[in-house]
């Protein structure tokens, strides 16, 4: 294992000398996907709980499709399937976007995590205490102000434990980025294994790094829950 570390530690941990690779690429994929998916999910969740079927039904269909199909298939469809369409290849902007494996991976991951996050936020919005909504309406808040000041902040706090699970699952899901030729952590492990034929050490190092990142994320979310969910702690603690 020591000689693999000496040869590949840069590729695993930060850079191969010219491009981000390994752990850095995995974290970059994770951050971009989560950021895009999180922002989209807030608006889609509001549309999903709307009484207007023209808003809620399309979001429900989108959520059902992306939660009902494997992420690996979604990535292949976006990376290989969409780029194979003639109008995509003939449109310069679309051609440039879908020809890049990194763009396709981020798009697939963002759409996938957005579907799951939307359902998490929908549950949290629907569980908003009725008294909070009634008090806000009695205070004269408009629909926009009600969502901005009461419903969304309250729902995000309650959704924190469920969302932390989604973040960890998304970290693990980035391991399929190799299908779009993205040099993530697993791609480095596959290269190390192909060069040395020492599968246990090569993939074991990747597993340890995934584990360390998972522990760090879990710890960060536990701190966040202690801060923003302190009101749910039993009295006297």
Protein backbone atom coordinates (compact mmCIF):
# COMPACT_ATOMS: atom_id res chain seq x y z
CA UNK A 1 0.00 0.00 0.00
CA UNK A 2 2.90 2.34 0.75
CA UNK A 3 4.20 2.23 -2.82
CA UNK A 4 0.69 2.93 -4.18
CA UNK A 5 0.44 5.90 -1.84
CA UNK A 6 3.86 7.16 -2.95
CA UNK A 7 2.88 6.88 -6.62
CA UNK A 8 -0.77 7.97 -6.58
CA UNK A 9 -1.22 10.14 -3.47
CA UNK A 10 -1.42 13.33 -5.54
CA UNK A 11 -3.98 11.81 -7.92
CA UNK A 12 -6.03 10.51 -4.99
CA UNK A 13 -5.93 13.57 -2.80
CA UNK A 14 -5.66 16.74 -4.82
CA UNK A 15 -4.16 17.03 -8.28
CA UNK A 16 -2.37 15.13 -10.97
CA UNK A 17 -0.22 18.17 -11.67
CA UNK A 18 -2.49 19.82 -14.24
CA UNK A 19 -6.13 19.06 -13.41
CA UNK A 20 -8.28 18.42 -10.38
CA UNK A 21 -8.65 14.74 -9.84
CA UNK A 22 -9.56 12.16 -7.23
CA UNK A 23 -10.90 13.55 -3.98
CA UNK A 24 -10.96 17.17 -5.18
CA UNK A 25 -13.01 16.27 -8.26
CA UNK A 26 -15.42 14.17 -6.19
CA UNK A 27 -15.97 17.04 -3.74
CA UNK A 28 -16.39 19.54 -6.59
CA UNK A 29 -19.03 17.33 -8.20
CA UNK A 30 -20.79 16.98 -4.85
CA UNK A 31 -20.81 20.69 -4.01
CA UNK A 32 -22.02 21.82 -7.45
CA UNK A 33 -24.73 19.15 -7.67
CA UNK A 34 -26.03 19.82 -4.18
CA UNK A 35 -26.02 23.59 -4.61
CA UNK A 36 -27.97 23.47 -7.88
CA UNK A 37 -30.31 20.75 -6.63
CA UNK A 38 -30.97 22.54 -3.34
CA UNK A 39 -31.99 25.86 -4.94
CA UNK A 40 -34.18 24.14 -7.55
CA UNK A 41 -35.80 21.94 -4.88
CA UNK A 42 -37.04 24.93 -2.85
CA UNK A 43 -39.01 26.32 -5.79
CA UNK A 44 -40.21 22.90 -6.97
CA UNK A 45 -41.37 21.99 -3.46
CA UNK A 46 -43.47 25.18 -3.32
CA UNK A 47 -44.96 24.28 -6.70
CA UNK A 48 -45.52 20.68 -5.56
CA UNK A 49 -47.65 21.70 -2.56
CA UNK A 50 -49.63 24.18 -4.64
CA UNK A 51 -53.34 23.52 -5.14
CA UNK A 52 -52.87 24.46 -8.81
CA UNK A 53 -52.54 21.17 -10.77
CA UNK A 54 -50.66 22.95 -13.60
CA UNK A 55 -47.86 23.54 -11.07
CA UNK A 56 -48.00 20.43 -8.90
CA UNK A 57 -48.50 17.68 -11.50
CA UNK A 58 -45.38 18.41 -13.64
CA UNK A 59 -43.22 18.48 -10.50
CA UNK A 60 -44.77 15.22 -9.32
CA UNK A 61 -44.04 13.57 -12.67
CA UNK A 62 -40.45 14.86 -12.69
CA UNK A 63 -39.89 13.63 -9.14
CA UNK A 64 -41.40 10.23 -9.92
CA UNK A 65 -39.25 9.75 -13.05
CA UNK A 66 -35.94 10.70 -11.42
CA UNK A 67 -36.60 8.78 -8.21
CA UNK A 68 -37.88 5.75 -10.12
CA UNK A 69 -34.87 5.25 -12.39
CA UNK A 70 -31.23 4.50 -11.50
CA UNK A 71 -28.81 7.42 -11.44
CA UNK A 72 -26.39 5.45 -13.60
CA UNK A 73 -29.02 5.17 -16.37
CA UNK A 74 -29.85 8.88 -16.06
CA UNK A 75 -26.16 9.76 -16.45
CA UNK A 76 -25.79 7.57 -19.53
CA UNK A 77 -28.93 9.06 -21.09
CA UNK A 78 -27.69 12.61 -20.54
CA UNK A 79 -24.06 11.94 -21.52
CA UNK A 80 -24.54 9.53 -24.44
CA UNK A 81 -28.23 9.70 -25.32
CA UNK A 82 -28.83 13.44 -25.51
CA UNK A 83 -25.54 14.13 -27.28
CA UNK A 84 -26.52 11.60 -29.92
CA UNK A 85 -29.51 13.72 -30.97
CA UNK A 86 -28.87 15.57 -34.22
CA UNK A 87 -30.33 18.91 -33.12
CA UNK A 88 -28.04 18.89 -30.05
CA UNK A 89 -24.97 18.36 -32.22
CA UNK A 90 -26.09 21.08 -34.63
CA UNK A 91 -26.71 23.66 -31.88
CA UNK A 92 -23.38 25.13 -30.85
CA UNK A 93 -24.26 25.86 -27.20
CA UNK A 94 -25.85 22.45 -26.63
CA UNK A 95 -23.02 20.73 -28.48
CA UNK A 96 -20.39 22.35 -26.26
CA UNK A 97 -22.33 21.60 -23.08
CA UNK A 98 -23.22 17.95 -23.67
CA UNK A 99 -19.82 17.10 -25.19
CA UNK A 100 -18.23 17.75 -21.79
CA UNK A 101 -18.54 14.79 -19.44
CA UNK A 102 -18.20 16.95 -16.33
CA UNK A 103 -21.17 19.13 -17.37
CA UNK A 104 -23.28 16.03 -18.03
CA UNK A 105 -22.33 14.49 -14.67
CA UNK A 106 -23.22 17.67 -12.75
CA UNK A 107 -26.53 17.96 -14.63
CA UNK A 108 -27.47 14.33 -13.94
CA UNK A 109 -26.48 14.52 -10.28
CA UNK A 110 -28.24 17.87 -9.75
CA UNK A 111 -31.49 16.66 -11.33
CA UNK A 112 -31.37 13.44 -9.32
CA UNK A 113 -30.69 15.03 -5.94
CA UNK A 114 -33.23 17.77 -6.71
CA UNK A 115 -35.98 15.16 -7.11
CA UNK A 116 -35.24 13.58 -3.72
CA UNK A 117 -34.68 16.94 -1.99
CA UNK A 118 -37.97 18.26 -3.37
CA UNK A 119 -39.87 15.41 -1.71
CA UNK A 120 -38.00 16.03 1.58
CA UNK A 121 -38.95 19.72 1.49
CA UNK A 122 -42.55 18.91 0.51
CA UNK A 123 -42.94 16.78 3.64
CA UNK A 124 -41.39 19.49 5.80
CA UNK A 125 -43.62 22.23 4.32
CA UNK A 126 -46.75 20.16 4.86
CA UNK A 127 -45.73 19.56 8.48
CA UNK A 128 -45.48 23.28 9.23
CA UNK A 129 -47.53 23.85 12.39
CA UNK A 130 -50.93 25.27 11.46
CA UNK A 131 -50.67 27.82 14.25
CA UNK A 132 -47.57 29.41 12.70
CA UNK A 133 -49.35 29.89 9.38
CA UNK A 134 -52.49 31.27 11.00
CA UNK A 135 -50.48 33.67 13.15
CA UNK A 136 -48.60 34.94 10.08
CA UNK A 137 -51.85 35.46 8.17
CA UNK A 138 -53.40 37.24 11.13
CA UNK A 139 -50.34 39.51 11.15
CA UNK A 140 -51.16 40.44 7.56
CA UNK A 141 -48.32 38.70 5.75
CA UNK A 142 -48.66 38.21 2.00
CA UNK A 143 -48.21 34.77 0.42
CA UNK A 144 -44.63 35.61 -0.58
CA UNK A 145 -43.72 36.97 2.86
CA UNK A 146 -45.38 33.99 4.56
CA UNK A 147 -43.18 31.57 2.63
CA UNK A 148 -40.03 33.69 2.94
CA UNK A 149 -40.23 34.39 6.68
CA UNK A 150 -42.19 31.49 8.16
CA UNK A 151 -42.71 28.37 6.06
CA UNK A 152 -39.37 27.98 4.24
CA UNK A 153 -37.06 28.70 7.24
CA UNK A 154 -39.16 26.44 9.48
CA UNK A 155 -39.29 23.65 6.87
CA UNK A 156 -35.54 23.78 6.18
CA UNK A 157 -34.76 23.35 9.87
CA UNK A 158 -37.06 20.33 10.23
CA UNK A 159 -35.75 18.80 6.98
CA UNK A 160 -32.14 18.90 8.19
CA UNK A 161 -31.89 15.25 9.44
CA UNK A 162 -33.42 13.86 6.23
CA UNK A 163 -31.35 16.15 4.03
CA UNK A 164 -28.12 15.01 5.72
CA UNK A 165 -28.91 11.46 4.57
CA UNK A 166 -29.44 12.73 1.01
CA UNK A 167 -26.04 14.48 1.07
CA UNK A 168 -24.27 11.29 2.16
CA UNK A 169 -26.11 9.26 -0.50
CA UNK A 170 -25.16 11.86 -3.11
CA UNK A 171 -21.50 11.59 -2.09
CA UNK A 172 -21.63 7.85 -2.69
CA UNK A 173 -23.54 8.37 -5.95
CA UNK A 174 -20.72 10.47 -7.41
CA UNK A 175 -18.80 7.21 -7.84
CA UNK A 176 -20.69 6.61 -11.11
CA UNK A 177 -19.14 9.75 -12.65
CA UNK A 178 -16.57 7.52 -14.36
CA UNK A 179 -19.33 6.64 -16.88
CA UNK A 180 -18.97 10.20 -18.21
CA UNK A 181 -15.14 9.94 -18.18
CA UNK A 182 -14.89 12.28 -15.18
CA UNK A 183 -11.64 11.63 -13.23
CA UNK A 184 -13.21 11.28 -9.79
CA UNK A 185 -11.91 9.32 -6.81
CA UNK A 186 -13.09 5.95 -8.08
CA UNK A 187 -11.55 6.63 -11.51
CA UNK A 188 -8.16 7.17 -9.83
CA UNK A 189 -8.61 3.89 -7.92
CA UNK A 190 -9.47 2.08 -11.15
CA UNK A 191 -6.34 3.52 -12.82
CA UNK A 192 -4.18 2.50 -9.85
CA UNK A 193 -5.67 -0.99 -9.92
CA UNK A 194 -5.13 -1.31 -13.68
CA UNK A 195 -1.48 -0.29 -13.32
CA UNK A 196 -0.59 -2.38 -10.26
CA UNK A 197 -3.20 -5.20 -10.16
CA UNK A 198 -3.48 -4.58 -6.41
CA UNK A 199 -7.22 -4.20 -6.15
CA UNK A 200 -7.51 -4.34 -2.36
CA UNK A 201 -5.05 -1.50 -1.79
CA UNK A 202 -6.25 0.63 -4.72
CA UNK A 203 -9.97 0.45 -3.95
CA UNK A 204 -9.32 0.27 -0.19
CA UNK A 205 -7.70 3.71 -0.29
CA UNK A 206 -10.73 5.08 -2.15
CA UNK A 207 -13.05 3.49 0.44
CA UNK A 208 -11.10 5.07 3.31
CA UNK A 209 -11.29 8.51 1.69
CA UNK A 210 -15.05 8.17 1.07
CA UNK A 211 -15.41 7.12 4.73
CA UNK A 212 -13.46 10.12 6.02
CA UNK A 213 -15.55 12.55 3.94
CA UNK A 214 -18.77 10.84 5.11
CA UNK A 215 -17.75 11.16 8.76
CA UNK A 216 -16.88 14.83 8.24
CA UNK A 217 -20.27 15.52 6.63
CA UNK A 218 -22.16 13.63 9.35
CA UNK A 219 -20.29 15.58 12.04
CA UNK A 220 -21.03 18.90 10.32
CA UNK A 221 -24.74 18.08 10.08
CA UNK A 222 -24.84 17.00 13.73
CA UNK A 223 -23.44 20.40 14.71
CA UNK A 224 -26.03 22.10 12.49
CA UNK A 225 -28.85 20.06 14.04
CA UNK A 226 -27.71 20.99 17.56
CA UNK A 227 -27.80 24.66 16.56
CA UNK A 228 -31.00 24.88 14.51
CA UNK A 229 -33.04 22.06 16.06
CA UNK A 230 -32.29 22.88 19.68
CA UNK A 231 -35.96 23.81 20.20
CA UNK A 232 -36.88 20.15 19.65
CA UNK A 233 -34.59 18.87 22.42
CA UNK A 234 -36.33 17.55 25.56
CA UNK A 235 -36.74 20.13 28.31
CA UNK A 236 -34.00 20.10 30.98
CA UNK A 237 -31.16 19.03 28.64
